[in-house]
Amino acid sequence: MNKIIRQWNEAAGKYSEDQEQSEYAAFNKAFVKERFRVLKGERVLDLGCGYGYYTEYFRSIGGSPVGIDGAQTMIDIAQKTYPECSFSVADITKILPFGADSFDIVFCNQVLMDIEDIQSVLAECHRILKRDGVFYYSIVHPAFYGGTWETDRSTGIVGKMISSYVTPKVVSNHFWGDTVHFHRPLSFYLNAASDVGFMLLHTEEPKVYRGNEKNADLPLFFFAEYKK
């Protein structure tokens, strides 16, 4: 994990800038805001908070959030950008610095696919959540994220060529610098959460792409909500 944290420390600046400009990040933000509209003092852990956008959002709608991330540079940006929020550096693959039953909501946005051992992360999320607490995560959709866009010559339909899906693999991304992406099928995520005791409440595979540019019927993200 130390290598992964080092990579995100180096990528933090470019990542933070990109997330403020990306139309896909904007969709992700709007989708989350539709789910979480108002909070009434609930304690929220923003797990892998990055530059702190969602931590601030939860504060703005009445929550009591804490943001943690393994990358010091990310936390530095978050603290500077959102000084009213509480942030700290913590390796989220280790034992988290919180007692059992500490949070009403654990929120983990676009993080789990960048972590090698998510079983231990999910187990900690379960431990620190209160009974009936909500665990909510999003990831890039593993069935389509790794494909390449292609156009069918006979129909003109734009789709994705998928050459592998079931077998887990490690992929290098270069969007904001070198970062590691762990491809796993959806069944892996669903079973991992179930194995630590979470009960699945709801999933979403929303339409993100503009139909006139890319096939709007192929999802970019996967959202899941669980209860302890």
Protein backbone atom coordinates (compact mmCIF):
# COMPACT_ATOMS: atom_id res chain seq x y z
CA MET A 1 0.00 0.00 0.00
CA ASN A 2 2.93 2.36 0.59
CA LYS A 3 3.61 2.44 -3.15
CA ILE A 4 -0.02 3.25 -3.86
CA ILE A 5 -0.01 6.07 -1.30
CA ARG A 6 3.18 7.49 -2.81
CA GLN A 7 1.57 7.45 -6.23
CA TRP A 8 -1.49 9.33 -4.99
CA ASN A 9 0.66 11.85 -3.17
CA GLU A 10 2.27 12.63 -6.51
CA ALA A 11 -1.04 12.62 -8.40
CA ALA A 12 -2.99 14.69 -5.86
CA GLY A 13 -2.60 18.11 -7.45
CA LYS A 14 -3.55 17.09 -10.98
CA TYR A 15 -6.32 14.82 -9.73
CA SER A 16 -7.91 17.59 -7.67
CA GLU A 17 -7.82 20.01 -10.59
CA ASP A 18 -9.25 17.45 -12.98
CA GLN A 19 -12.14 16.53 -10.68
CA GLU A 20 -13.28 20.13 -10.66
CA GLN A 21 -13.45 20.16 -14.46
CA SER A 22 -14.49 16.63 -15.46
CA GLU A 23 -18.06 16.17 -16.71
CA TYR A 24 -17.98 12.60 -15.38
CA ALA A 25 -16.93 13.76 -11.92
CA ALA A 26 -19.72 16.34 -12.10
CA PHE A 27 -22.22 13.57 -12.82
CA ASN A 28 -20.87 11.54 -9.89
CA LYS A 29 -21.30 14.55 -7.60
CA ALA A 30 -24.86 15.22 -8.77
CA PHE A 31 -25.79 11.56 -8.31
CA VAL A 32 -24.46 11.48 -4.76
CA LYS A 33 -26.23 14.74 -3.91
CA GLU A 34 -29.51 13.28 -5.12
CA ARG A 35 -29.09 10.40 -2.68
CA PHE A 36 -27.90 12.51 0.28
CA ARG A 37 -29.95 15.71 0.35
CA VAL A 38 -30.26 16.52 4.04
CA LEU A 39 -28.52 15.24 7.16
CA LYS A 40 -29.38 15.95 10.77
CA GLY A 41 -26.11 15.68 12.61
CA GLU A 42 -25.23 12.17 11.45
CA ARG A 43 -21.58 11.25 11.82
CA VAL A 44 -20.15 10.54 8.39
CA LEU A 45 -16.78 9.02 7.54
CA ASP A 46 -15.56 10.04 4.10
CA LEU A 47 -13.24 7.10 3.52
CA GLY A 48 -10.51 7.95 1.04
CA CYS A 49 -11.70 11.55 0.96
CA GLY A 50 -9.16 12.80 -1.56
CA TYR A 51 -9.25 16.58 -1.81
CA GLY A 52 -12.28 16.78 0.47
CA TYR A 53 -15.15 17.70 -1.83
CA TYR A 54 -17.65 15.24 -0.36
CA THR A 55 -16.57 15.85 3.21
CA GLU A 56 -17.50 19.50 2.70
CA TYR A 57 -20.74 18.54 1.01
CA PHE A 58 -21.84 16.40 3.94
CA ARG A 59 -21.01 19.26 6.30
CA SER A 60 -23.02 21.68 4.15
CA ILE A 61 -26.19 19.56 4.36
CA GLY A 62 -26.09 19.18 8.14
CA GLY A 63 -23.83 16.20 8.74
CA SER A 64 -20.87 15.83 11.08
CA PRO A 65 -18.24 14.45 8.70
CA VAL A 66 -14.63 13.37 9.04
CA GLY A 67 -12.43 12.88 6.00
CA ILE A 68 -9.45 10.52 5.99
CA ASP A 69 -7.01 9.61 3.26
CA GLY A 70 -3.65 7.88 3.08
CA ALA A 71 -2.08 10.59 0.91
CA GLN A 72 -0.72 13.52 2.90
CA THR A 73 -0.80 15.76 -0.17
CA MET A 74 -4.50 15.07 -0.64
CA ILE A 75 -5.20 15.99 2.97
CA ASP A 76 -3.12 19.16 2.66
CA ILE A 77 -5.25 20.23 -0.32
CA ALA A 78 -8.46 19.29 1.49
CA GLN A 79 -7.57 21.26 4.63
CA LYS A 80 -6.60 24.32 2.60
CA THR A 81 -9.70 24.15 0.40
CA TYR A 82 -12.24 23.30 3.10
CA PRO A 83 -10.91 24.67 6.41
CA GLU A 84 -14.22 24.16 8.22
CA CYS A 85 -14.00 20.38 7.83
CA SER A 86 -12.08 17.81 9.86
CA PHE A 87 -9.41 15.84 7.96
CA SER A 88 -6.64 13.47 8.94
CA VAL A 89 -4.09 11.20 7.31
CA ALA A 90 -4.70 7.47 7.80
CA ASP A 91 -3.89 4.37 5.78
CA ILE A 92 -7.41 3.09 5.18
CA THR A 93 -6.14 -0.46 4.60
CA LYS A 94 -5.09 -0.64 8.27
CA ILE A 95 -7.07 -0.59 11.51
CA LEU A 96 -8.98 2.69 11.41
CA PRO A 97 -8.47 5.16 14.28
CA PHE A 98 -12.09 5.02 15.43
CA GLY A 99 -13.99 2.97 17.94
CA ALA A 100 -16.69 0.44 17.12
CA ASP A 101 -20.13 1.84 16.32
CA SER A 102 -18.75 5.36 15.74
CA PHE A 103 -20.47 6.41 12.50
CA ASP A 104 -23.95 6.58 11.03
CA ILE A 105 -22.65 6.61 7.46
CA VAL A 106 -19.43 5.39 5.84
CA PHE A 107 -19.05 6.89 2.39
CA CYS A 108 -16.40 5.63 -0.02
CA ASN A 109 -16.38 7.28 -3.43
CA GLN A 110 -14.25 5.91 -6.29
CA VAL A 111 -11.69 4.36 -3.94
CA LEU A 112 -12.13 0.59 -3.64
CA MET A 113 -10.92 -0.19 -7.16
CA ASP A 114 -7.60 1.47 -6.27
CA ILE A 115 -7.02 -0.72 -3.19
CA GLU A 116 -5.58 -4.21 -3.29
CA ASP A 117 -7.04 -5.71 -0.11
CA ILE A 118 -10.59 -4.47 0.14
CA GLN A 119 -11.73 -7.27 2.47
CA SER A 120 -9.91 -5.72 5.42
CA VAL A 121 -11.24 -2.28 4.47
CA LEU A 122 -14.81 -3.53 4.38
CA ALA A 123 -14.38 -5.33 7.69
CA GLU A 124 -13.25 -2.07 9.30
CA CYS A 125 -16.17 -0.20 7.75
CA HIS A 126 -18.51 -2.73 9.31
CA ARG A 127 -16.81 -2.44 12.70
CA ILE A 128 -17.00 1.35 12.95
CA LEU A 129 -20.58 1.65 11.69
CA LYS A 130 -23.45 1.82 14.13
CA ARG A 131 -26.18 -0.77 13.94
CA ASP A 132 -28.44 0.00 10.95
CA GLY A 133 -25.76 2.39 9.70
CA VAL A 134 -25.29 2.98 5.97
CA PHE A 135 -22.27 1.93 3.94
CA TYR A 136 -22.30 3.60 0.53
CA TYR A 137 -19.65 3.20 -2.14
CA SER A 138 -19.10 3.88 -5.81
CA ILE A 139 -16.54 2.46 -8.22
CA VAL A 140 -15.92 2.66 -11.95
CA HIS A 141 -18.00 -0.09 -13.51
CA PRO A 142 -15.65 -3.09 -13.90
CA ALA A 143 -17.62 -4.61 -16.76
CA PHE A 144 -16.95 -1.65 -19.05
CA TYR A 145 -14.19 0.50 -17.60
CA GLY A 146 -11.38 -1.44 -19.26
CA GLY A 147 -12.92 -1.72 -22.70
CA THR A 148 -12.03 0.24 -25.81
CA TRP A 149 -14.55 2.34 -27.71
CA GLU A 150 -15.28 1.05 -31.21
CA THR A 151 -17.83 1.85 -33.91
CA ASP A 152 -19.65 -0.90 -35.78
CA ARG A 153 -19.10 -0.13 -39.48
CA SER A 154 -22.40 -1.62 -40.61
CA THR A 155 -24.69 0.01 -38.02
CA GLY A 156 -22.72 3.01 -36.82
CA ILE A 157 -23.39 1.96 -33.23
CA VAL A 158 -20.66 2.94 -30.80
CA GLY A 159 -19.87 0.30 -28.20
CA LYS A 160 -17.06 -1.09 -26.11
CA MET A 161 -14.86 -4.04 -26.98
CA ILE A 162 -14.38 -6.12 -23.84
CA SER A 163 -11.68 -8.75 -24.04
CA SER A 164 -11.67 -9.86 -20.39
CA TYR A 165 -13.85 -9.37 -17.33
CA VAL A 166 -14.03 -12.28 -14.87
CA THR A 167 -10.32 -12.63 -14.10
CA PRO A 168 -8.88 -10.06 -11.65
CA LYS A 169 -5.87 -8.11 -12.85
CA VAL A 170 -3.74 -5.09 -12.03
CA VAL A 171 -3.80 -2.18 -14.45
CA SER A 172 -1.64 0.96 -14.58
CA ASN A 173 -3.53 4.22 -15.10
CA HIS A 174 -1.91 7.45 -16.26
CA PHE A 175 -4.67 10.04 -15.98
CA TRP A 176 -3.04 12.10 -13.22
CA GLY A 177 0.34 10.36 -13.09
CA ASP A 178 1.00 6.68 -12.48
CA THR A 179 -1.66 5.04 -10.30
CA VAL A 180 -2.67 1.40 -9.85
CA HIS A 181 -6.14 0.11 -10.65
CA PHE A 182 -7.32 -3.32 -9.47
CA HIS A 183 -9.82 -4.86 -11.85
CA ARG A 184 -12.30 -7.26 -10.23
CA PRO A 185 -15.78 -8.35 -11.37
CA LEU A 186 -18.84 -6.99 -9.63
CA SER A 187 -19.44 -10.32 -7.91
CA PHE A 188 -16.18 -9.81 -6.01
CA TYR A 189 -17.35 -6.52 -4.51
CA LEU A 190 -20.85 -7.77 -3.73
CA ASN A 191 -19.60 -10.95 -2.07
CA ALA A 192 -16.85 -9.16 -0.14
CA ALA A 193 -19.37 -6.80 1.45
CA SER A 194 -21.74 -9.67 2.24
CA ASP A 195 -18.94 -11.73 3.76
CA VAL A 196 -18.22 -9.09 6.43
CA GLY A 197 -21.89 -8.83 7.38
CA PHE A 198 -23.35 -6.04 5.26
CA MET A 199 -26.86 -6.35 3.85
CA LEU A 200 -27.32 -4.99 0.34
CA LEU A 201 -30.10 -2.42 0.03
CA HIS A 202 -29.75 -0.96 -3.44
CA THR A 203 -27.48 -0.67 -6.47
CA GLU A 204 -27.39 1.76 -9.39
CA GLU A 205 -25.75 1.70 -12.83
CA PRO A 206 -26.76 5.15 -14.08
CA LYS A 207 -26.48 6.46 -17.59
CA VAL A 208 -23.56 8.86 -17.79
CA TYR A 209 -22.40 9.17 -21.37
CA ARG A 210 -23.93 11.53 -23.91
CA GLY A 211 -25.69 9.43 -26.49
CA ASN A 212 -24.51 11.56 -29.40
CA GLU A 213 -20.85 10.98 -28.45
CA LYS A 214 -20.70 7.62 -26.73
CA ASN A 215 -23.22 4.87 -26.14
CA ALA A 216 -25.41 6.18 -23.31
CA ASP A 217 -26.65 2.65 -22.60
CA LEU A 218 -23.27 1.58 -21.19
CA PRO A 219 -22.60 2.54 -17.56
CA LEU A 220 -19.42 4.20 -16.35
CA PHE A 221 -20.10 3.91 -12.60
CA PHE A 222 -21.53 1.41 -10.15
CA PHE A 223 -23.11 2.61 -6.88
CA ALA A 224 -24.09 0.35 -3.97
CA GLU A 225 -25.72 0.96 -0.62
CA TYR A 226 -25.66 -1.44 2.32
CA LYS A 227 -26.94 -1.57 5.89
CA LYS A 228 -25.11 -2.99 8.90
